[in-house]
């Protein structure tokens, strides 16, 4: 399952404590810090290679995927009502031509940023999955072919902006309401993933810092 829908005990058992501030840094890649992030592999899948690199004098997270599927996940415990805005930057080499959001065989994206909302009832654990798509129209949303509890939101689409850094901002509360028709519970994890196992493609993506902010 490519949605990081993990049981609550796994997500919050050793969540990274975050002091209250106007902005919370979830992924401080520019400081060369991967503290709290762990590689999450999928059984039987080749792993995507993640490493910190320098891009135009800035440290970023690089993800190289060749017929691979794994992600980096960080456990957190955050109230989205207090921090409803997520911001990040990313760049992709290209989007994936064989992407097909409606099929498991096409459920690959050049870049993804996940937010996971755990529940004591495992089957109610949910995820918002922000992606750089190839064919999904920008700002469109679909259910994951793996689970109805994960919604895929196309933040960027196609190759027009490929090769250039893009800065994104989304309102988590509004996105969750539209996706699931209710108020979001606490956020239990943030993750990034570049995967090409289903489409058999090769791609490189880069991720900048990921933060949460007050309104």
C-alpha atoms as a PDB file:
ATOM      1  CA  UNK A   1       0.000   0.000   0.000  1.00  0.00           C
ATOM      2  CA  UNK A   2       1.522   3.298  -1.075  1.00  0.00           C
ATOM      3  CA  UNK A   3      -0.258   5.606   1.318  1.00  0.00           C
ATOM      4  CA  UNK A   4       1.673   5.380   4.612  1.00  0.00           C
ATOM      5  CA  UNK A   5      -1.536   4.451   6.439  1.00  0.00           C
ATOM      6  CA  UNK A   6       0.209   3.134   9.529  1.00  0.00           C
ATOM      7  CA  UNK A   7      -1.395   2.140  12.851  1.00  0.00           C
ATOM      8  CA  UNK A   8      -1.649   4.869  15.479  1.00  0.00           C
ATOM      9  CA  UNK A   9       0.800   3.131  17.809  1.00  0.00           C
ATOM     10  CA  UNK A  10       3.482   3.172  15.120  1.00  0.00           C
ATOM     11  CA  UNK A  11       2.843   6.765  14.133  1.00  0.00           C
ATOM     12  CA  UNK A  12       2.717   8.345  17.562  1.00  0.00           C
ATOM     13  CA  UNK A  13       4.790   5.946  19.629  1.00  0.00           C
ATOM     14  CA  UNK A  14       7.859   8.164  19.316  1.00  0.00           C
ATOM     15  CA  UNK A  15       6.519  11.306  17.706  1.00  0.00           C
ATOM     16  CA  UNK A  16       8.953  14.180  17.380  1.00  0.00           C
ATOM     17  CA  UNK A  17       8.083  16.818  20.033  1.00  0.00           C
ATOM     18  CA  UNK A  18       7.464  20.230  18.468  1.00  0.00           C
ATOM     19  CA  UNK A  19       7.547  23.391  20.548  1.00  0.00           C
ATOM     20  CA  UNK A  20       4.765  25.889  19.869  1.00  0.00           C
ATOM     21  CA  UNK A  21       5.850  28.621  17.469  1.00  0.00           C
ATOM     22  CA  UNK A  22       4.440  30.710  14.627  1.00  0.00           C
ATOM     23  CA  UNK A  23       6.063  28.253  12.225  1.00  0.00           C
ATOM     24  CA  UNK A  24       7.034  24.607  12.694  1.00  0.00           C
ATOM     25  CA  UNK A  25       9.891  23.195  10.639  1.00  0.00           C
ATOM     26  CA  UNK A  26       9.066  19.590   9.739  1.00  0.00           C
ATOM     27  CA  UNK A  27      11.790  19.093   7.165  1.00  0.00           C
ATOM     28  CA  UNK A  28      14.820  21.312   7.724  1.00  0.00           C
ATOM     29  CA  UNK A  29      16.758  19.935   4.764  1.00  0.00           C
ATOM     30  CA  UNK A  30      18.496  23.270   4.122  1.00  0.00           C
ATOM     31  CA  UNK A  31      20.325  22.845   7.435  1.00  0.00           C
ATOM     32  CA  UNK A  32      21.535  19.376   6.446  1.00  0.00           C
ATOM     33  CA  UNK A  33      19.301  17.834   9.089  1.00  0.00           C
ATOM     34  CA  UNK A  34      17.436  14.550   8.572  1.00  0.00           C
ATOM     35  CA  UNK A  35      16.794  14.011  12.274  1.00  0.00           C
ATOM     36  CA  UNK A  36      13.577  12.110  12.879  1.00  0.00           C
ATOM     37  CA  UNK A  37      13.174  11.008   9.263  1.00  0.00           C
ATOM     38  CA  UNK A  38      13.256   7.285   8.508  1.00  0.00           C
ATOM     39  CA  UNK A  39      13.201   5.271   5.319  1.00  0.00           C
ATOM     40  CA  UNK A  40       9.899   3.443   4.784  1.00  0.00           C
ATOM     41  CA  UNK A  41      10.233   0.644   2.251  1.00  0.00           C
ATOM     42  CA  UNK A  42       7.443  -1.411   0.690  1.00  0.00           C
ATOM     43  CA  UNK A  43       7.747  -5.176   0.801  1.00  0.00           C
ATOM     44  CA  UNK A  44       9.275  -6.589  -2.352  1.00  0.00           C
ATOM     45  CA  UNK A  45      10.024  -3.153  -3.820  1.00  0.00           C
ATOM     46  CA  UNK A  46      13.350  -1.607  -4.743  1.00  0.00           C
ATOM     47  CA  UNK A  47      14.136   1.436  -2.602  1.00  0.00           C
ATOM     48  CA  UNK A  48      14.252   5.015  -3.835  1.00  0.00           C
ATOM     49  CA  UNK A  49      17.635   6.604  -3.004  1.00  0.00           C
ATOM     50  CA  UNK A  50      17.334   9.667  -0.756  1.00  0.00           C
ATOM     51  CA  UNK A  51      20.270  11.891   0.144  1.00  0.00           C
ATOM     52  CA  UNK A  52      21.104  15.504   0.978  1.00  0.00           C
ATOM     53  CA  UNK A  53      22.790  17.366  -1.891  1.00  0.00           C
ATOM     54  CA  UNK A  54      23.740  20.929  -2.772  1.00  0.00           C
ATOM     55  CA  UNK A  55      21.691  22.670  -5.431  1.00  0.00           C
ATOM     56  CA  UNK A  56      22.778  26.228  -6.297  1.00  0.00           C
ATOM     57  CA  UNK A  57      24.412  26.733  -2.869  1.00  0.00           C
ATOM     58  CA  UNK A  58      21.373  25.342  -1.020  1.00  0.00           C
ATOM     59  CA  UNK A  59      21.133  21.981   0.714  1.00  0.00           C
ATOM     60  CA  UNK A  60      18.083  19.998  -0.429  1.00  0.00           C
ATOM     61  CA  UNK A  61      16.800  16.438  -0.326  1.00  0.00           C
ATOM     62  CA  UNK A  62      17.358  14.495  -3.531  1.00  0.00           C
ATOM     63  CA  UNK A  63      15.262  11.451  -4.453  1.00  0.00           C
ATOM     64  CA  UNK A  64      16.345   9.114  -7.260  1.00  0.00           C
ATOM     65  CA  UNK A  65      13.895   6.390  -8.256  1.00  0.00           C
ATOM     66  CA  UNK A  66      14.514   3.650 -10.798  1.00  0.00           C
ATOM     67  CA  UNK A  67      11.584   1.199 -10.841  1.00  0.00           C
ATOM     68  CA  UNK A  68      11.503   1.843  -7.076  1.00  0.00           C
ATOM     69  CA  UNK A  69       9.091   2.754  -4.280  1.00  0.00           C
ATOM     70  CA  UNK A  70      10.072   3.913  -0.815  1.00  0.00           C
ATOM     71  CA  UNK A  71       9.613   7.103   1.139  1.00  0.00           C
ATOM     72  CA  UNK A  72      10.970   9.106   4.024  1.00  0.00           C
ATOM     73  CA  UNK A  73       8.583   9.519   6.954  1.00  0.00           C
ATOM     74  CA  UNK A  74       8.721  11.605  10.116  1.00  0.00           C
ATOM     75  CA  UNK A  75       6.366  11.085  13.048  1.00  0.00           C
ATOM     76  CA  UNK A  76       4.869  14.270  14.468  1.00  0.00           C
ATOM     77  CA  UNK A  77       1.921  15.283  16.638  1.00  0.00           C
ATOM     78  CA  UNK A  78       0.372  18.546  15.465  1.00  0.00           C
ATOM     79  CA  UNK A  79      -3.086  20.106  15.675  1.00  0.00           C
ATOM     80  CA  UNK A  80      -3.951  21.355  12.154  1.00  0.00           C
ATOM     81  CA  UNK A  81      -6.452  23.799  13.629  1.00  0.00           C
ATOM     82  CA  UNK A  82      -3.466  25.667  15.103  1.00  0.00           C
ATOM     83  CA  UNK A  83      -1.142  25.113  12.118  1.00  0.00           C
ATOM     84  CA  UNK A  84      -3.403  24.863   9.063  1.00  0.00           C
ATOM     85  CA  UNK A  85      -0.898  25.934   6.410  1.00  0.00           C
ATOM     86  CA  UNK A  86       1.780  23.676   4.916  1.00  0.00           C
ATOM     87  CA  UNK A  87       4.571  25.150   2.779  1.00  0.00           C
ATOM     88  CA  UNK A  88       7.326  23.428   0.844  1.00  0.00           C
ATOM     89  CA  UNK A  89       9.392  23.674  -2.328  1.00  0.00           C
ATOM     90  CA  UNK A  90      10.239  20.984  -4.866  1.00  0.00           C
ATOM     91  CA  UNK A  91      11.664  20.350  -8.306  1.00  0.00           C
ATOM     92  CA  UNK A  92      11.295  17.386 -10.660  1.00  0.00           C
ATOM     93  CA  UNK A  93      13.366  16.205 -13.575  1.00  0.00           C
ATOM     94  CA  UNK A  94      10.163  15.345 -15.457  1.00  0.00           C
ATOM     95  CA  UNK A  95       6.699  13.986 -14.769  1.00  0.00           C
ATOM     96  CA  UNK A  96       5.848  10.327 -15.399  1.00  0.00           C
ATOM     97  CA  UNK A  97       4.356   9.571 -18.824  1.00  0.00           C
ATOM     98  CA  UNK A  98       2.760   6.285 -17.759  1.00  0.00           C
ATOM     99  CA  UNK A  99       1.059   7.733 -14.688  1.00  0.00           C
ATOM    100  CA  UNK A 100      -2.577   6.619 -14.313  1.00  0.00           C
ATOM    101  CA  UNK A 101      -4.253   7.869 -11.142  1.00  0.00           C
ATOM    102  CA  UNK A 102      -7.153   5.451 -11.523  1.00  0.00           C
ATOM    103  CA  UNK A 103      -5.074   2.264 -11.556  1.00  0.00           C
ATOM    104  CA  UNK A 104      -2.612   0.662  -9.151  1.00  0.00           C
ATOM    105  CA  UNK A 105      -0.428  -0.032 -12.176  1.00  0.00           C
ATOM    106  CA  UNK A 106      -0.112   3.707 -12.759  1.00  0.00           C
ATOM    107  CA  UNK A 107      -0.009   4.995  -9.182  1.00  0.00           C
ATOM    108  CA  UNK A 108       3.408   6.688  -9.416  1.00  0.00           C
ATOM    109  CA  UNK A 109       4.377  10.339  -9.122  1.00  0.00           C
ATOM    110  CA  UNK A 110       7.636  12.182  -9.601  1.00  0.00           C
ATOM    111  CA  UNK A 111       7.175  13.849  -6.214  1.00  0.00           C
ATOM    112  CA  UNK A 112       4.777  13.504  -3.283  1.00  0.00           C
ATOM    113  CA  UNK A 113       4.348  15.186   0.083  1.00  0.00           C
ATOM    114  CA  UNK A 114       2.093  13.264   2.480  1.00  0.00           C
ATOM    115  CA  UNK A 115       0.267  14.222   5.650  1.00  0.00           C
ATOM    116  CA  UNK A 116      -1.078  11.277   7.652  1.00  0.00           C
ATOM    117  CA  UNK A 117      -3.987  11.577  10.092  1.00  0.00           C
ATOM    118  CA  UNK A 118      -4.017   8.471  12.311  1.00  0.00           C
ATOM    119  CA  UNK A 119      -7.023   7.037  14.105  1.00  0.00           C
ATOM    120  CA  UNK A 120      -7.324   4.441  16.899  1.00  0.00           C
ATOM    121  CA  UNK A 121      -9.436   2.603  14.325  1.00  0.00           C
ATOM    122  CA  UNK A 122      -6.835   1.662  11.720  1.00  0.00           C
ATOM    123  CA  UNK A 123      -9.332   1.624   8.861  1.00  0.00           C
ATOM    124  CA  UNK A 124     -10.100   5.313   9.571  1.00  0.00           C
ATOM    125  CA  UNK A 125      -6.477   6.464   9.284  1.00  0.00           C
ATOM    126  CA  UNK A 126      -6.399   8.977   6.431  1.00  0.00           C
ATOM    127  CA  UNK A 127      -3.865  10.790   4.291  1.00  0.00           C
ATOM    128  CA  UNK A 128      -3.596  13.869   2.111  1.00  0.00           C
ATOM    129  CA  UNK A 129      -1.201  13.164  -0.719  1.00  0.00           C
ATOM    130  CA  UNK A 130       0.101  16.279  -2.502  1.00  0.00           C
ATOM    131  CA  UNK A 131       1.681  15.281  -5.819  1.00  0.00           C
ATOM    132  CA  UNK A 132       3.470  16.572  -8.890  1.00  0.00           C
ATOM    133  CA  UNK A 133       1.337  14.797 -11.468  1.00  0.00           C
ATOM    134  CA  UNK A 134       1.737  14.179 -15.181  1.00  0.00           C
ATOM    135  CA  UNK A 135      -1.878  13.975 -16.334  1.00  0.00           C
ATOM    136  CA  UNK A 136      -4.105  14.987 -13.436  1.00  0.00           C
ATOM    137  CA  UNK A 137      -5.176  18.622 -13.890  1.00  0.00           C
ATOM    138  CA  UNK A 138      -3.648  21.063 -11.430  1.00  0.00           C
ATOM    139  CA  UNK A 139      -5.820  21.465  -8.277  1.00  0.00           C
ATOM    140  CA  UNK A 140      -7.798  18.296  -9.040  1.00  0.00           C
ATOM    141  CA  UNK A 141      -8.273  15.542  -6.442  1.00  0.00           C
ATOM    142  CA  UNK A 142      -8.897  11.794  -6.737  1.00  0.00           C
ATOM    143  CA  UNK A 143      -8.984   8.830  -4.378  1.00  0.00           C
ATOM    144  CA  UNK A 144      -5.924   6.602  -4.278  1.00  0.00           C
ATOM    145  CA  UNK A 145      -6.446   3.326  -6.178  1.00  0.00           C
ATOM    146  CA  UNK A 146      -4.942   1.584  -3.142  1.00  0.00           C
ATOM    147  CA  UNK A 147      -7.333   2.984  -0.515  1.00  0.00           C
ATOM    148  CA  UNK A 148     -10.277   5.346  -0.305  1.00  0.00           C
ATOM    149  CA  UNK A 149      -8.745   6.813   2.842  1.00  0.00           C
ATOM    150  CA  UNK A 150      -5.975   8.534   0.884  1.00  0.00           C
ATOM    151  CA  UNK A 151      -6.754  11.452  -1.412  1.00  0.00           C
ATOM    152  CA  UNK A 152      -4.353  12.557  -4.149  1.00  0.00           C
ATOM    153  CA  UNK A 153      -4.229  16.305  -4.803  1.00  0.00           C
ATOM    154  CA  UNK A 154      -2.387  17.519  -7.891  1.00  0.00           C
ATOM    155  CA  UNK A 155      -0.473  20.615  -6.822  1.00  0.00           C
ATOM    156  CA  UNK A 156       1.608  20.706 -10.012  1.00  0.00           C
ATOM    157  CA  UNK A 157       1.023  18.888 -13.293  1.00  0.00           C
ATOM    158  CA  UNK A 158       2.989  18.184 -16.452  1.00  0.00           C
ATOM    159  CA  UNK A 159       6.436  19.270 -17.582  1.00  0.00           C
ATOM    160  CA  UNK A 160       6.033  23.003 -18.160  1.00  0.00           C
ATOM    161  CA  UNK A 161       7.631  23.758 -14.781  1.00  0.00           C
ATOM    162  CA  UNK A 162       9.914  20.702 -14.660  1.00  0.00           C
ATOM    163  CA  UNK A 163      13.543  21.517 -13.931  1.00  0.00           C
ATOM    164  CA  UNK A 164      12.686  24.651 -11.951  1.00  0.00           C
ATOM    165  CA  UNK A 165      12.030  25.044  -8.233  1.00  0.00           C
ATOM    166  CA  UNK A 166       8.387  25.621  -7.294  1.00  0.00           C
ATOM    167  CA  UNK A 167       7.203  26.901  -3.915  1.00  0.00           C
ATOM    168  CA  UNK A 168       3.852  25.560  -2.709  1.00  0.00           C
ATOM    169  CA  UNK A 169       1.342  26.490  -0.017  1.00  0.00           C
ATOM    170  CA  UNK A 170      -1.814  24.593   0.919  1.00  0.00           C
ATOM    171  CA  UNK A 171      -4.468  24.986   3.609  1.00  0.00           C
ATOM    172  CA  UNK A 172      -4.582  21.579   5.279  1.00  0.00           C
ATOM    173  CA  UNK A 173      -7.920  22.119   7.010  1.00  0.00           C
ATOM    174  CA  UNK A 174      -9.671  23.197   3.821  1.00  0.00           C
ATOM    175  CA  UNK A 175      -8.134  20.344   1.815  1.00  0.00           C
ATOM    176  CA  UNK A 176      -9.139  17.775   4.447  1.00  0.00           C
ATOM    177  CA  UNK A 177     -12.704  19.085   4.612  1.00  0.00           C
ATOM    178  CA  UNK A 178     -13.068  18.851   0.831  1.00  0.00           C
ATOM    179  CA  UNK A 179     -11.511  15.392   0.754  1.00  0.00           C
ATOM    180  CA  UNK A 180     -13.318  13.758   3.677  1.00  0.00           C
ATOM    181  CA  UNK A 181     -16.236  16.008   4.583  1.00  0.00           C
ATOM    182  CA  UNK A 182     -15.235  16.621   8.194  1.00  0.00           C
ATOM    183  CA  UNK A 183     -12.729  18.410  10.406  1.00  0.00           C
ATOM    184  CA  UNK A 184      -9.210  16.942  10.420  1.00  0.00           C
ATOM    185  CA  UNK A 185      -7.832  15.130  13.473  1.00  0.00           C
ATOM    186  CA  UNK A 186      -4.252  15.638  14.635  1.00  0.00           C
ATOM    187  CA  UNK A 187      -1.475  15.093  12.116  1.00  0.00           C
ATOM    188  CA  UNK A 188       0.577  12.011  12.998  1.00  0.00           C
ATOM    189  CA  UNK A 189       3.219  11.997  10.271  1.00  0.00           C
ATOM    190  CA  UNK A 190       4.680  13.846   7.318  1.00  0.00           C
ATOM    191  CA  UNK A 191       6.344  11.990   4.454  1.00  0.00           C
ATOM    192  CA  UNK A 192       7.912  12.511   1.043  1.00  0.00           C
ATOM    193  CA  UNK A 193       8.070   9.944  -1.724  1.00  0.00           C
ATOM    194  CA  UNK A 194       9.281   9.682  -5.303  1.00  0.00           C
ATOM    195  CA  UNK A 195       8.173   6.346  -6.773  1.00  0.00           C
ATOM    196  CA  UNK A 196       8.292   4.637 -10.168  1.00  0.00           C
ATOM    197  CA  UNK A 197       7.718   0.972  -9.348  1.00  0.00           C
ATOM    198  CA  UNK A 198       4.348   0.671 -11.065  1.00  0.00           C
ATOM    199  CA  UNK A 199       5.197   2.633 -14.208  1.00  0.00           C
ATOM    200  CA  UNK A 200       8.764   1.271 -14.506  1.00  0.00           C
ATOM    201  CA  UNK A 201      10.136   4.770 -14.998  1.00  0.00           C
ATOM    202  CA  UNK A 202      13.297   6.544 -13.829  1.00  0.00           C
ATOM    203  CA  UNK A 203      13.122  10.019 -12.291  1.00  0.00           C
ATOM    204  CA  UNK A 204      14.912  12.367  -9.930  1.00  0.00           C
ATOM    205  CA  UNK A 205      13.178  14.911  -7.715  1.00  0.00           C
ATOM    206  CA  UNK A 206      14.372  17.396  -5.124  1.00  0.00           C
ATOM    207  CA  UNK A 207      12.637  18.644  -1.982  1.00  0.00           C
ATOM    208  CA  UNK A 208      13.224  21.850  -0.062  1.00  0.00           C
ATOM    209  CA  UNK A 209      12.223  22.606   3.522  1.00  0.00           C
ATOM    210  CA  UNK A 210       8.722  21.625   4.699  1.00  0.00           C
ATOM    211  CA  UNK A 211       7.011  23.839   7.299  1.00  0.00           C
ATOM    212  CA  UNK A 212       3.650  24.281   9.018  1.00  0.00           C
ATOM    213  CA  UNK A 213       2.398  27.763   9.822  1.00  0.00           C
ATOM    214  CA  UNK A 214      -0.393  29.536  11.634  1.00  0.00           C
ATOM    215  CA  UNK A 215      -2.983  31.405   9.571  1.00  0.00           C
END
